[in-house]
Amino acid sequence: MDETLNEYWLAGMVFAFVVLVGSWIAAKSGLQRGNEGRAHLLRLIELVRLAKSGSASELAGADDELEEMTQWLLAQLRAGDIELGKFQCIEPIITQLRATIQTRRKDLATRKKPLSVV
């Protein structure tokens, strides 16, 4: 009976260790996914600043980057790695930022046109 109890205790300790290691691995992989999302959000903030003062070529690159970011968000949503509510919060920001970039690009284009003398 004493040996059986020892085996149960040992099995319980091994099980607890395996659960602990599994939890640690799951947490680490979740943190890496969170870091990727956090990096995209930080880049989004940088793109807001760029939209206000960037050159035409920088704005074109930013617009392309926003398109890639939208595709990444859709892939995350499709895979279930991001909740619909978070997507619905971020997507309008990207849409508005793209509109701001287009407006800024038009403003820059009109400034470059020479004024005609009548």
C-alpha atoms as a PDB file:
ATOM      1  CA  MET A   1       0.000   0.000   0.000  1.00  0.00           C
ATOM      2  CA  ASP A   2       2.847   2.370   0.831  1.00  0.00           C
ATOM      3  CA  GLU A   3       4.507   1.773  -2.558  1.00  0.00           C
ATOM      4  CA  THR A   4       1.238   2.403  -4.372  1.00  0.00           C
ATOM      5  CA  LEU A   5       0.811   5.751  -2.617  1.00  0.00           C
ATOM      6  CA  ASN A   6       4.372   6.696  -3.564  1.00  0.00           C
ATOM      7  CA  GLU A   7       3.613   5.892  -7.196  1.00  0.00           C
ATOM      8  CA  TYR A   8       0.470   8.033  -7.092  1.00  0.00           C
ATOM      9  CA  TRP A   9       2.406  10.936  -5.583  1.00  0.00           C
ATOM     10  CA  LEU A  10       5.149  10.571  -8.179  1.00  0.00           C
ATOM     11  CA  ALA A  11       2.608  10.394 -11.018  1.00  0.00           C
ATOM     12  CA  GLY A  12       0.868  13.510  -9.654  1.00  0.00           C
ATOM     13  CA  MET A  13       4.163  15.416  -9.475  1.00  0.00           C
ATOM     14  CA  VAL A  14       5.123  14.396 -13.025  1.00  0.00           C
ATOM     15  CA  PHE A  15       1.664  15.404 -14.280  1.00  0.00           C
ATOM     16  CA  ALA A  16       1.921  18.774 -12.511  1.00  0.00           C
ATOM     17  CA  PHE A  17       5.347  19.364 -14.069  1.00  0.00           C
ATOM     18  CA  VAL A  18       4.091  18.491 -17.559  1.00  0.00           C
ATOM     19  CA  VAL A  19       1.114  20.855 -17.143  1.00  0.00           C
ATOM     20  CA  LEU A  20       3.448  23.596 -15.916  1.00  0.00           C
ATOM     21  CA  VAL A  21       5.788  23.205 -18.897  1.00  0.00           C
ATOM     22  CA  GLY A  22       2.831  23.079 -21.315  1.00  0.00           C
ATOM     23  CA  SER A  23       1.369  26.234 -19.817  1.00  0.00           C
ATOM     24  CA  TRP A  24       4.700  28.005 -20.091  1.00  0.00           C
ATOM     25  CA  ILE A  25       5.032  27.045 -23.771  1.00  0.00           C
ATOM     26  CA  ALA A  26       1.464  28.175 -24.492  1.00  0.00           C
ATOM     27  CA  ALA A  27       2.067  31.491 -22.745  1.00  0.00           C
ATOM     28  CA  LYS A  28       5.274  32.101 -24.680  1.00  0.00           C
ATOM     29  CA  SER A  29       3.643  31.412 -28.028  1.00  0.00           C
ATOM     30  CA  GLY A  30       0.734  33.672 -27.079  1.00  0.00           C
ATOM     31  CA  LEU A  31       3.112  36.458 -26.108  1.00  0.00           C
ATOM     32  CA  GLN A  32       4.856  36.236 -29.453  1.00  0.00           C
ATOM     33  CA  ARG A  33       1.547  36.595 -31.266  1.00  0.00           C
ATOM     34  CA  GLY A  34       0.744  39.539 -29.013  1.00  0.00           C
ATOM     35  CA  ASN A  35       4.094  41.120 -29.812  1.00  0.00           C
ATOM     36  CA  GLU A  36       3.354  40.890 -33.536  1.00  0.00           C
ATOM     37  CA  GLY A  37       0.001  42.600 -33.056  1.00  0.00           C
ATOM     38  CA  ARG A  38       1.570  45.214 -30.799  1.00  0.00           C
ATOM     39  CA  ALA A  39       4.210  45.926 -33.458  1.00  0.00           C
ATOM     40  CA  HIS A  40       1.474  46.480 -36.035  1.00  0.00           C
ATOM     41  CA  LEU A  41      -0.338  48.899 -33.714  1.00  0.00           C
ATOM     42  CA  LEU A  42       2.853  50.843 -33.032  1.00  0.00           C
ATOM     43  CA  ARG A  43       3.511  51.035 -36.755  1.00  0.00           C
ATOM     44  CA  LEU A  44      -0.041  52.292 -37.232  1.00  0.00           C
ATOM     45  CA  ILE A  45       0.740  55.199 -34.897  1.00  0.00           C
ATOM     46  CA  GLU A  46       3.882  55.981 -36.895  1.00  0.00           C
ATOM     47  CA  LEU A  47       1.838  55.936 -40.098  1.00  0.00           C
ATOM     48  CA  VAL A  48      -0.594  58.471 -38.609  1.00  0.00           C
ATOM     49  CA  ARG A  49       2.327  60.829 -38.052  1.00  0.00           C
ATOM     50  CA  LEU A  50       3.636  60.129 -41.552  1.00  0.00           C
ATOM     51  CA  ALA A  51       0.236  60.845 -43.120  1.00  0.00           C
ATOM     52  CA  LYS A  52       0.376  64.392 -41.786  1.00  0.00           C
ATOM     53  CA  SER A  53       3.861  65.301 -42.983  1.00  0.00           C
ATOM     54  CA  GLY A  54       5.200  62.677 -45.381  1.00  0.00           C
ATOM     55  CA  SER A  55       6.367  63.128 -48.942  1.00  0.00           C
ATOM     56  CA  ALA A  56       4.459  61.682 -51.888  1.00  0.00           C
ATOM     57  CA  SER A  57       6.724  58.621 -52.096  1.00  0.00           C
ATOM     58  CA  GLU A  58       6.488  58.019 -48.339  1.00  0.00           C
ATOM     59  CA  LEU A  59       2.713  58.268 -48.535  1.00  0.00           C
ATOM     60  CA  ALA A  60       2.588  55.762 -51.391  1.00  0.00           C
ATOM     61  CA  GLY A  61       4.665  53.333 -49.313  1.00  0.00           C
ATOM     62  CA  ALA A  62       2.460  53.926 -46.294  1.00  0.00           C
ATOM     63  CA  ASP A  63      -0.664  53.224 -48.335  1.00  0.00           C
ATOM     64  CA  ASP A  64       0.845  49.935 -49.523  1.00  0.00           C
ATOM     65  CA  GLU A  65       1.798  49.085 -45.951  1.00  0.00           C
ATOM     66  CA  LEU A  66      -1.745  49.772 -44.760  1.00  0.00           C
ATOM     67  CA  GLU A  67      -3.081  47.435 -47.434  1.00  0.00           C
ATOM     68  CA  GLU A  68      -0.722  44.711 -46.198  1.00  0.00           C
ATOM     69  CA  MET A  69      -1.781  45.406 -42.617  1.00  0.00           C
ATOM     70  CA  THR A  70      -5.439  45.026 -43.588  1.00  0.00           C
ATOM     71  CA  GLN A  71      -4.679  41.710 -45.263  1.00  0.00           C
ATOM     72  CA  TRP A  72      -2.789  40.570 -42.135  1.00  0.00           C
ATOM     73  CA  LEU A  73      -5.753  41.544 -39.942  1.00  0.00           C
ATOM     74  CA  LEU A  74      -8.158  39.635 -42.160  1.00  0.00           C
ATOM     75  CA  ALA A  75      -5.900  36.571 -42.006  1.00  0.00           C
ATOM     76  CA  GLN A  76      -5.765  36.838 -38.203  1.00  0.00           C
ATOM     77  CA  LEU A  77      -9.541  37.127 -38.057  1.00  0.00           C
ATOM     78  CA  ARG A  78      -9.993  34.156 -40.382  1.00  0.00           C
ATOM     79  CA  ALA A  79      -7.584  32.049 -38.285  1.00  0.00           C
ATOM     80  CA  GLY A  80      -9.368  33.016 -35.070  1.00  0.00           C
ATOM     81  CA  ASP A  81      -6.257  34.711 -33.638  1.00  0.00           C
ATOM     82  CA  ILE A  82      -8.056  38.039 -33.268  1.00  0.00           C
ATOM     83  CA  GLU A  83     -11.571  38.686 -32.039  1.00  0.00           C
ATOM     84  CA  LEU A  84     -14.153  40.332 -34.263  1.00  0.00           C
ATOM     85  CA  GLY A  85     -14.502  43.238 -31.830  1.00  0.00           C
ATOM     86  CA  LYS A  86     -10.801  44.046 -32.025  1.00  0.00           C
ATOM     87  CA  PHE A  87     -10.902  43.829 -35.805  1.00  0.00           C
ATOM     88  CA  GLN A  88     -13.928  46.143 -35.897  1.00  0.00           C
ATOM     89  CA  CYS A  89     -12.008  48.600 -33.727  1.00  0.00           C
ATOM     90  CA  ILE A  90      -8.825  48.647 -35.823  1.00  0.00           C
ATOM     91  CA  GLU A  91     -10.248  48.403 -39.351  1.00  0.00           C
ATOM     92  CA  PRO A  92     -11.992  51.833 -39.336  1.00  0.00           C
ATOM     93  CA  ILE A  93      -8.766  53.427 -38.116  1.00  0.00           C
ATOM     94  CA  ILE A  94      -6.913  51.955 -41.074  1.00  0.00           C
ATOM     95  CA  THR A  95      -9.682  53.041 -43.452  1.00  0.00           C
ATOM     96  CA  GLN A  96      -9.623  56.603 -42.119  1.00  0.00           C
ATOM     97  CA  LEU A  97      -5.848  56.698 -42.273  1.00  0.00           C
ATOM     98  CA  ARG A  98      -5.903  55.562 -45.900  1.00  0.00           C
ATOM     99  CA  ALA A  99      -8.393  58.361 -46.680  1.00  0.00           C
ATOM    100  CA  THR A 100      -6.113  60.869 -44.933  1.00  0.00           C
ATOM    101  CA  ILE A 101      -3.160  59.654 -46.979  1.00  0.00           C
ATOM    102  CA  GLN A 102      -5.141  60.002 -50.220  1.00  0.00           C
ATOM    103  CA  THR A 103      -6.155  63.550 -49.282  1.00  0.00           C
ATOM    104  CA  ARG A 104      -2.565  64.457 -48.437  1.00  0.00           C
ATOM    105  CA  ARG A 105      -1.336  62.963 -51.720  1.00  0.00           C
ATOM    106  CA  LYS A 106      -3.883  65.058 -53.645  1.00  0.00           C
ATOM    107  CA  ASP A 107      -2.781  68.170 -51.746  1.00  0.00           C
ATOM    108  CA  LEU A 108       0.845  67.490 -52.576  1.00  0.00           C
ATOM    109  CA  ALA A 109      -0.020  66.908 -56.230  1.00  0.00           C
ATOM    110  CA  THR A 110      -1.862  70.227 -56.509  1.00  0.00           C
ATOM    111  CA  ARG A 111       1.054  72.072 -54.916  1.00  0.00           C
ATOM    112  CA  LYS A 112       3.460  70.688 -57.510  1.00  0.00           C
ATOM    113  CA  LYS A 113       1.385  71.904 -60.444  1.00  0.00           C
ATOM    114  CA  PRO A 114       2.682  75.206 -61.740  1.00  0.00           C
ATOM    115  CA  LEU A 115       0.287  78.104 -61.715  1.00  0.00           C
ATOM    116  CA  SER A 116      -0.667  79.228 -65.184  1.00  0.00           C
ATOM    117  CA  VAL A 117      -0.262  82.875 -65.994  1.00  0.00           C
ATOM    118  CA  VAL A 118      -3.218  84.363 -67.794  1.00  0.00           C
END
